[in-house]
C-alpha atoms as a PDB file:
ATOM      1  CA  MET A   1      17.446   1.597  -8.215  1.00  0.00           C
ATOM      2  CA  ASN A   2      15.573  -0.936  -6.068  1.00  0.00           C
ATOM      3  CA  ILE A   3      13.396  -0.109  -3.068  1.00  0.00           C
ATOM      4  CA  LYS A   4      15.660  -2.308  -0.911  1.00  0.00           C
ATOM      5  CA  ASN A   5      18.603  -0.061  -1.759  1.00  0.00           C
ATOM      6  CA  ILE A   6      17.019   3.112  -0.376  1.00  0.00           C
ATOM      7  CA  ASP A   7      19.414   4.702   2.114  1.00  0.00           C
ATOM      8  CA  PRO A   8      18.224   3.838   5.663  1.00  0.00           C
ATOM      9  CA  ASN A   9      20.122   6.613   7.442  1.00  0.00           C
ATOM     10  CA  ASN A  10      20.112   9.789   5.343  1.00  0.00           C
ATOM     11  CA  TYR A  11      16.572  11.098   4.959  1.00  0.00           C
ATOM     12  CA  GLN A  12      17.377  13.583   2.184  1.00  0.00           C
ATOM     13  CA  LEU A  13      19.290  10.981   0.191  1.00  0.00           C
ATOM     14  CA  ALA A  14      16.442   8.510   0.665  1.00  0.00           C
ATOM     15  CA  ALA A  15      13.980  11.090  -0.678  1.00  0.00           C
ATOM     16  CA  SER A  16      16.145  11.685  -3.746  1.00  0.00           C
ATOM     17  CA  GLN A  17      16.457   7.949  -4.370  1.00  0.00           C
ATOM     18  CA  LEU A  18      12.708   7.426  -4.017  1.00  0.00           C
ATOM     19  CA  TRP A  19      11.996  10.160  -6.542  1.00  0.00           C
ATOM     20  CA  GLN A  20      14.454   8.583  -8.965  1.00  0.00           C
ATOM     21  CA  LEU A  21      12.612   5.303  -8.470  1.00  0.00           C
ATOM     22  CA  LEU A  22       9.216   6.858  -9.103  1.00  0.00           C
ATOM     23  CA  VAL A  23      10.024   9.009 -12.144  1.00  0.00           C
ATOM     24  CA  PRO A  24      10.474   6.224 -14.735  1.00  0.00           C
ATOM     25  CA  ASN A  25       7.132   4.749 -13.702  1.00  0.00           C
ATOM     26  CA  ILE A  26       5.086   7.899 -14.396  1.00  0.00           C
ATOM     27  CA  GLN A  27       6.283   8.500 -17.938  1.00  0.00           C
ATOM     28  CA  TYR A  28       2.840   7.557 -19.289  1.00  0.00           C
ATOM     29  CA  LEU A  29       1.518  10.859 -17.873  1.00  0.00           C
ATOM     30  CA  ILE A  30       1.619  14.154 -19.726  1.00  0.00           C
ATOM     31  CA  THR A  31       3.906  16.931 -18.444  1.00  0.00           C
ATOM     32  CA  GLN A  32       1.263  18.760 -16.390  1.00  0.00           C
ATOM     33  CA  GLU A  33       0.188  15.501 -14.745  1.00  0.00           C
ATOM     34  CA  LYS A  34       3.789  14.627 -13.888  1.00  0.00           C
ATOM     35  CA  GLU A  35       4.093  18.013 -12.217  1.00  0.00           C
ATOM     36  CA  THR A  36       1.079  17.188 -10.031  1.00  0.00           C
ATOM     37  CA  VAL A  37       2.721  13.951  -8.919  1.00  0.00           C
ATOM     38  CA  GLU A  38       6.026  15.744  -8.325  1.00  0.00           C
ATOM     39  CA  LEU A  39       4.341  18.386  -6.177  1.00  0.00           C
ATOM     40  CA  ALA A  40       2.578  15.673  -4.163  1.00  0.00           C
ATOM     41  CA  PHE A  41       5.830  13.777  -3.694  1.00  0.00           C
ATOM     42  CA  PHE A  42       7.785  16.730  -2.320  1.00  0.00           C
ATOM     43  CA  GLN A  43       4.865  17.898  -0.169  1.00  0.00           C
ATOM     44  CA  MET A  44       4.713  14.390   1.277  1.00  0.00           C
ATOM     45  CA  VAL A  45       8.464  14.392   1.926  1.00  0.00           C
ATOM     46  CA  ASP A  46       8.305  17.806   3.610  1.00  0.00           C
ATOM     47  CA  ALA A  47       5.361  16.685   5.759  1.00  0.00           C
ATOM     48  CA  HIS A  48       6.721  13.333   6.952  1.00  0.00           C
ATOM     49  CA  LEU A  49      10.333  14.538   7.219  1.00  0.00           C
ATOM     50  CA  ASP A  50      12.420  11.842   8.929  1.00  0.00           C
ATOM     51  CA  GLN A  51       9.526   9.941  10.529  1.00  0.00           C
ATOM     52  CA  ARG A  52      10.100   6.218  10.683  1.00  0.00           C
ATOM     53  CA  ARG A  53       7.782   3.208  10.588  1.00  0.00           C
ATOM     54  CA  LYS A  54       7.884   0.183  12.902  1.00  0.00           C
ATOM     55  CA  SER A  55      10.123  -1.487  10.324  1.00  0.00           C
ATOM     56  CA  GLY A  56      12.748   1.205  10.886  1.00  0.00           C
ATOM     57  CA  GLU A  57      12.320   2.518   7.337  1.00  0.00           C
ATOM     58  CA  PHE A  58      11.752   6.196   6.703  1.00  0.00           C
ATOM     59  CA  TYR A  59       7.995   6.744   6.500  1.00  0.00           C
ATOM     60  CA  ILE A  60       8.327   8.239   3.019  1.00  0.00           C
ATOM     61  CA  VAL A  61       9.137   4.769   1.653  1.00  0.00           C
ATOM     62  CA  HIS A  62       5.592   3.552   2.301  1.00  0.00           C
ATOM     63  CA  PRO A  63       3.554   6.010   0.171  1.00  0.00           C
ATOM     64  CA  VAL A  64       6.021   5.649  -2.693  1.00  0.00           C
ATOM     65  CA  CYS A  65       5.766   1.843  -2.617  1.00  0.00           C
ATOM     66  CA  ALA A  66       1.975   2.084  -2.601  1.00  0.00           C
ATOM     67  CA  CYS A  67       2.100   4.572  -5.475  1.00  0.00           C
ATOM     68  CA  LEU A  68       4.342   2.265  -7.505  1.00  0.00           C
ATOM     69  CA  TYR A  69       1.677  -0.445  -7.321  1.00  0.00           C
ATOM     70  CA  LEU A  70      -0.804   2.002  -8.842  1.00  0.00           C
ATOM     71  CA  THR A  71       1.521   3.017 -11.665  1.00  0.00           C
ATOM     72  CA  ARG A  72       1.389  -0.610 -12.814  1.00  0.00           C
ATOM     73  CA  MET A  73      -2.285   0.027 -13.522  1.00  0.00           C
ATOM     74  CA  LYS A  74      -1.479   3.324 -15.264  1.00  0.00           C
ATOM     75  CA  LEU A  75      -3.784   5.262 -12.958  1.00  0.00           C
ATOM     76  CA  ASP A  76      -4.261   9.013 -13.328  1.00  0.00           C
ATOM     77  CA  SER A  77      -2.161  11.727 -11.698  1.00  0.00           C
ATOM     78  CA  ASP A  78      -4.824  12.695  -9.132  1.00  0.00           C
ATOM     79  CA  THR A  79      -4.911   9.120  -7.858  1.00  0.00           C
ATOM     80  CA  LEU A  80      -1.123   8.934  -7.645  1.00  0.00           C
ATOM     81  CA  ALA A  81      -0.953  12.296  -5.861  1.00  0.00           C
ATOM     82  CA  ALA A  82      -3.611  11.245  -3.355  1.00  0.00           C
ATOM     83  CA  CYS A  83      -1.784   7.983  -2.745  1.00  0.00           C
ATOM     84  CA  LEU A  84       1.463   9.797  -1.992  1.00  0.00           C
ATOM     85  CA  LEU A  85      -0.330  12.137   0.412  1.00  0.00           C
ATOM     86  CA  HIS A  86      -2.801   9.686   1.939  1.00  0.00           C
ATOM     87  CA  ASP A  87      -1.188   9.526   5.401  1.00  0.00           C
ATOM     88  CA  VAL A  88      -0.205  13.177   5.652  1.00  0.00           C
ATOM     89  CA  PRO A  89      -3.384  14.531   7.356  1.00  0.00           C
ATOM     90  CA  GLU A  90      -3.429  11.733   9.945  1.00  0.00           C
ATOM     91  CA  ASP A  91       0.277  11.332  10.698  1.00  0.00           C
ATOM     92  CA  THR A  92       1.823  14.783  10.297  1.00  0.00           C
ATOM     93  CA  LYS A  93       1.165  18.398  11.281  1.00  0.00           C
ATOM     94  CA  VAL A  94      -0.068  19.167   7.749  1.00  0.00           C
ATOM     95  CA  SER A  95      -3.859  19.139   7.641  1.00  0.00           C
ATOM     96  CA  LEU A  96      -6.242  18.398   4.793  1.00  0.00           C
ATOM     97  CA  LYS A  97      -7.052  22.109   4.751  1.00  0.00           C
ATOM     98  CA  ASP A  98      -3.368  22.904   4.273  1.00  0.00           C
ATOM     99  CA  LEU A  99      -3.244  20.556   1.287  1.00  0.00           C
ATOM    100  CA  GLU A 100      -6.247  22.309  -0.268  1.00  0.00           C
ATOM    101  CA  GLN A 101      -3.974  25.270  -1.050  1.00  0.00           C
ATOM    102  CA  ASN A 102      -1.981  23.274  -3.599  1.00  0.00           C
ATOM    103  CA  PHE A 103      -4.210  20.476  -4.859  1.00  0.00           C
ATOM    104  CA  THR A 104      -7.520  20.120  -6.663  1.00  0.00           C
ATOM    105  CA  LYS A 105     -10.787  19.259  -4.963  1.00  0.00           C
ATOM    106  CA  GLU A 106     -10.549  15.840  -6.593  1.00  0.00           C
ATOM    107  CA  VAL A 107      -7.220  15.032  -4.944  1.00  0.00           C
ATOM    108  CA  ILE A 108      -8.504  16.276  -1.586  1.00  0.00           C
ATOM    109  CA  PHE A 109     -11.659  14.174  -1.973  1.00  0.00           C
ATOM    110  CA  LEU A 110      -9.584  11.045  -2.577  1.00  0.00           C
ATOM    111  CA  ILE A 111      -7.340  11.712   0.437  1.00  0.00           C
ATOM    112  CA  SER A 112     -10.413  12.292   2.584  1.00  0.00           C
ATOM    113  CA  GLY A 113     -11.900   9.011   1.384  1.00  0.00           C
ATOM    114  CA  ILE A 114      -8.761   7.108   2.349  1.00  0.00           C
ATOM    115  CA  THR A 115      -8.752   8.730   5.783  1.00  0.00           C
ATOM    116  CA  LYS A 116     -12.332   7.552   6.395  1.00  0.00           C
ATOM    117  CA  LEU A 117     -11.571   4.009   5.256  1.00  0.00           C
ATOM    118  CA  GLY A 118      -8.577   3.993   7.574  1.00  0.00           C
ATOM    119  CA  LYS A 119     -10.997   3.829  10.495  1.00  0.00           C
ATOM    120  CA  LEU A 120     -12.384   0.513   9.218  1.00  0.00           C
ATOM    121  CA  LYS A 121     -11.140  -2.357  11.413  1.00  0.00           C
ATOM    122  CA  TYR A 122     -11.701  -6.097  11.447  1.00  0.00           C
ATOM    123  CA  GLN A 123     -14.017  -6.925  14.349  1.00  0.00           C
ATOM    124  CA  GLY A 124     -15.043 -10.473  13.583  1.00  0.00           C
ATOM    125  CA  GLU A 125     -17.707 -12.023  11.383  1.00  0.00           C
ATOM    126  CA  ASP A 126     -20.515 -10.090  13.049  1.00  0.00           C
ATOM    127  CA  ARG A 127     -19.153  -6.833  11.583  1.00  0.00           C
ATOM    128  CA  TYR A 128     -18.072  -8.346   8.260  1.00  0.00           C
ATOM    129  CA  ALA A 129     -21.182  -7.239   6.326  1.00  0.00           C
ATOM    130  CA  GLU A 130     -20.955  -3.720   7.738  1.00  0.00           C
ATOM    131  CA  ASN A 131     -17.310  -3.402   6.744  1.00  0.00           C
ATOM    132  CA  LEU A 132     -18.055  -4.574   3.215  1.00  0.00           C
ATOM    133  CA  ARG A 133     -20.925  -2.092   3.021  1.00  0.00           C
ATOM    134  CA  LYS A 134     -18.566   0.769   3.928  1.00  0.00           C
ATOM    135  CA  MET A 135     -16.146  -0.350   1.244  1.00  0.00           C
ATOM    136  CA  PHE A 136     -18.906  -0.489  -1.358  1.00  0.00           C
ATOM    137  CA  VAL A 137     -20.116   2.981  -0.372  1.00  0.00           C
ATOM    138  CA  ALA A 138     -16.590   4.269  -0.953  1.00  0.00           C
ATOM    139  CA  MET A 139     -16.515   2.458  -4.307  1.00  0.00           C
ATOM    140  CA  SER A 140     -19.775   4.036  -5.383  1.00  0.00           C
ATOM    141  CA  ARG A 141     -18.377   7.524  -4.698  1.00  0.00           C
ATOM    142  CA  ASP A 142     -15.067   6.991  -6.453  1.00  0.00           C
ATOM    143  CA  LEU A 143     -13.475   3.642  -7.260  1.00  0.00           C
ATOM    144  CA  ARG A 144     -10.021   5.186  -7.073  1.00  0.00           C
ATOM    145  CA  VAL A 145     -10.313   5.387  -3.277  1.00  0.00           C
ATOM    146  CA  ILE A 146     -10.412   1.594  -3.212  1.00  0.00           C
ATOM    147  CA  PHE A 147      -7.428   1.300  -5.536  1.00  0.00           C
ATOM    148  CA  ILE A 148      -5.378   3.496  -3.191  1.00  0.00           C
ATOM    149  CA  LYS A 149      -6.533   1.563  -0.147  1.00  0.00           C
ATOM    150  CA  LEU A 150      -5.610  -1.762  -1.746  1.00  0.00           C
ATOM    151  CA  ALA A 151      -2.143  -0.440  -2.585  1.00  0.00           C
ATOM    152  CA  ASP A 152      -1.752   0.944   0.937  1.00  0.00           C
ATOM    153  CA  ARG A 153      -2.821  -2.356   2.468  1.00  0.00           C
ATOM    154  CA  LEU A 154      -0.569  -4.469   0.264  1.00  0.00           C
ATOM    155  CA  HIS A 155       2.554  -2.565   1.239  1.00  0.00           C
ATOM    156  CA  ASN A 156       1.576  -2.610   4.911  1.00  0.00           C
ATOM    157  CA  LEU A 157       1.314  -6.394   4.696  1.00  0.00           C
ATOM    158  CA  THR A 158       4.913  -6.623   3.533  1.00  0.00           C
ATOM    159  CA  THR A 159       6.076  -5.131   6.841  1.00  0.00           C
ATOM    160  CA  LEU A 160       3.947  -7.185   9.270  1.00  0.00           C
ATOM    161  CA  GLU A 161       7.006  -8.978  10.620  1.00  0.00           C
ATOM    162  CA  HIS A 162       7.885  -5.799  12.520  1.00  0.00           C
ATOM    163  CA  LEU A 163       4.578  -5.726  14.452  1.00  0.00           C
ATOM    164  CA  PRO A 164       3.515  -7.676  17.563  1.00  0.00           C
ATOM    165  CA  ALA A 165       2.167 -11.101  16.558  1.00  0.00           C
ATOM    166  CA  HIS A 166      -1.427 -10.422  17.629  1.00  0.00           C
ATOM    167  CA  LYS A 167      -1.598  -7.155  15.674  1.00  0.00           C
ATOM    168  CA  ALA A 168      -0.020  -8.713  12.582  1.00  0.00           C
ATOM    169  CA  GLN A 169      -2.562 -11.543  12.727  1.00  0.00           C
ATOM    170  CA  ARG A 170      -5.467  -9.093  13.021  1.00  0.00           C
ATOM    171  CA  ILE A 171      -4.318  -7.017  10.060  1.00  0.00           C
ATOM    172  CA  ALA A 172      -3.747 -10.142   7.964  1.00  0.00           C
ATOM    173  CA  MET A 173      -7.193 -11.519   8.824  1.00  0.00           C
ATOM    174  CA  GLU A 174      -8.771  -8.169   8.029  1.00  0.00           C
ATOM    175  CA  SER A 175      -7.016  -8.255   4.665  1.00  0.00           C
ATOM    176  CA  LEU A 176      -8.311 -11.718   3.779  1.00  0.00           C
ATOM    177  CA  GLU A 177     -11.837 -11.055   5.013  1.00  0.00           C
ATOM    178  CA  ILE A 178     -12.360  -7.560   3.584  1.00  0.00           C
ATOM    179  CA  TYR A 179      -9.771  -6.515   1.010  1.00  0.00           C
ATOM    180  CA  VAL A 180      -9.384  -9.766  -0.938  1.00  0.00           C
ATOM    181  CA  PRO A 181     -13.147 -10.088  -1.635  1.00  0.00           C
ATOM    182  CA  ILE A 182     -13.239  -6.472  -2.817  1.00  0.00           C
ATOM    183  CA  ALA A 183     -10.282  -6.992  -5.151  1.00  0.00           C
ATOM    184  CA  GLN A 184     -11.861 -10.184  -6.438  1.00  0.00           C
ATOM    185  CA  ARG A 185     -15.209  -8.531  -7.166  1.00  0.00           C
ATOM    186  CA  LEU A 186     -13.422  -5.739  -9.002  1.00  0.00           C
ATOM    187  CA  GLY A 187     -11.431  -8.264 -11.016  1.00  0.00           C
ATOM    188  CA  ILE A 188      -8.085  -6.857  -9.840  1.00  0.00           C
ATOM    189  CA  ASN A 189      -6.198 -10.144  -9.788  1.00  0.00           C
ATOM    190  CA  PHE A 190      -2.856  -8.520  -8.995  1.00  0.00           C
ATOM    191  CA  PHE A 191      -4.059  -7.112  -5.656  1.00  0.00           C
ATOM    192  CA  LYS A 192      -6.123 -10.192  -4.840  1.00  0.00           C
ATOM    193  CA  GLY A 193      -3.192 -12.569  -5.328  1.00  0.00           C
ATOM    194  CA  GLU A 194      -0.537 -10.413  -3.682  1.00  0.00           C
ATOM    195  CA  ILE A 195      -2.680  -9.652  -0.609  1.00  0.00           C
ATOM    196  CA  GLU A 196      -3.583 -13.338  -0.202  1.00  0.00           C
ATOM    197  CA  ASP A 197       0.058 -14.385  -0.453  1.00  0.00           C
ATOM    198  CA  ALA A 198       1.232 -11.758   2.031  1.00  0.00           C
ATOM    199  CA  ALA A 199      -1.548 -12.349   4.589  1.00  0.00           C
ATOM    200  CA  PHE A 200      -1.771 -16.156   4.521  1.00  0.00           C
ATOM    201  CA  PRO A 201       1.356 -16.925   6.644  1.00  0.00           C
ATOM    202  CA  TYR A 202       0.053 -14.760   9.501  1.00  0.00           C
ATOM    203  CA  VAL A 203      -3.501 -16.098   9.527  1.00  0.00           C
ATOM    204  CA  TYR A 204      -2.692 -19.761   8.885  1.00  0.00           C
ATOM    205  CA  PRO A 205       0.939 -20.206  10.019  1.00  0.00           C
ATOM    206  CA  ASP A 206       0.686 -23.988  10.430  1.00  0.00           C
ATOM    207  CA  LYS A 207      -0.668 -24.523   6.934  1.00  0.00           C
ATOM    208  CA  TYR A 208       1.872 -22.090   5.530  1.00  0.00           C
ATOM    209  CA  ASN A 209       4.765 -23.956   7.154  1.00  0.00           C
ATOM    210  CA  GLU A 210       3.339 -27.238   5.911  1.00  0.00           C
ATOM    211  CA  PHE A 211       3.095 -25.931   2.329  1.00  0.00           C
ATOM    212  CA  ARG A 212       6.589 -24.483   2.557  1.00  0.00           C
ATOM    213  CA  LEU A 213       8.006 -27.781   3.777  1.00  0.00           C
ATOM    214  CA  ILE A 214       6.310 -29.674   0.945  1.00  0.00           C
ATOM    215  CA  SER A 215       7.632 -27.141  -1.562  1.00  0.00           C
ATOM    216  CA  GLU A 216      11.171 -27.460  -0.232  1.00  0.00           C
ATOM    217  CA  VAL A 217      10.975 -31.262  -0.483  1.00  0.00           C
ATOM    218  CA  GLU A 218       9.774 -31.049  -4.089  1.00  0.00           C
ATOM    219  CA  ILE A 219      12.484 -28.523  -4.988  1.00  0.00           C
ATOM    220  CA  ASN A 220      15.161 -30.771  -3.482  1.00  0.00           C
ATOM    221  CA  LYS A 221      13.788 -33.731  -5.451  1.00  0.00           C
ATOM    222  CA  ASP A 222      14.031 -31.743  -8.675  1.00  0.00           C
ATOM    223  CA  LYS A 223      17.592 -30.670  -7.849  1.00  0.00           C
ATOM    224  CA  SER A 224      18.553 -34.294  -7.184  1.00  0.00           C
ATOM    225  CA  LYS A 225      17.177 -35.357 -10.560  1.00  0.00           C
ATOM    226  CA  LEU A 226      19.123 -32.626 -12.333  1.00  0.00           C
ATOM    227  CA  ASN A 227      22.350 -33.667 -10.637  1.00  0.00           C
ATOM    228  CA  GLN A 228      21.991 -37.329 -11.603  1.00  0.00           C
END
């Protein structure tokens, strides 16, 4: 199962497919931890229901994609659960207090941290230091909040084409100016590289097109040599 093959029309089928996609990637967890992730997944599905994103995808695709990035790092079940639920308090009728009934204080703390960071916006170089300070404060409280935010941001960048050009450019610039330096300082090369690659075409479209043209020329040269 590939994320691109998730059913775009049937919400219940899409949920089932997403769970099938997630399960093989959490096998490093013990049984009780898997149950925490499973509970978070189905609570997230029940909360978002058939909501859709600007891309037209069911909303439930986004938290699962973000969570899959974190499973690559073999992060703990509380982090994965918080990642799956991170948009629930802001974008659904289910509140943080509602989630407290089924999840530990640690999971709730992580979700709350993500919600606070969600208010951080790129406002030019004059606010750059303040934004970094907020990120570092979050890091000092629990580094896992930053991991979730990086995963959230990376998947959002993959859907920028569905946003108005000015908003896509702002989000991409914000990613390069705030999230890439954080990933770099933490030594998380995966997030640093992927965020840079996804954001670059929107911030520097002329340079991107130039690089792409050069690459295409070089590829065609190589093909010509092979065919000789």
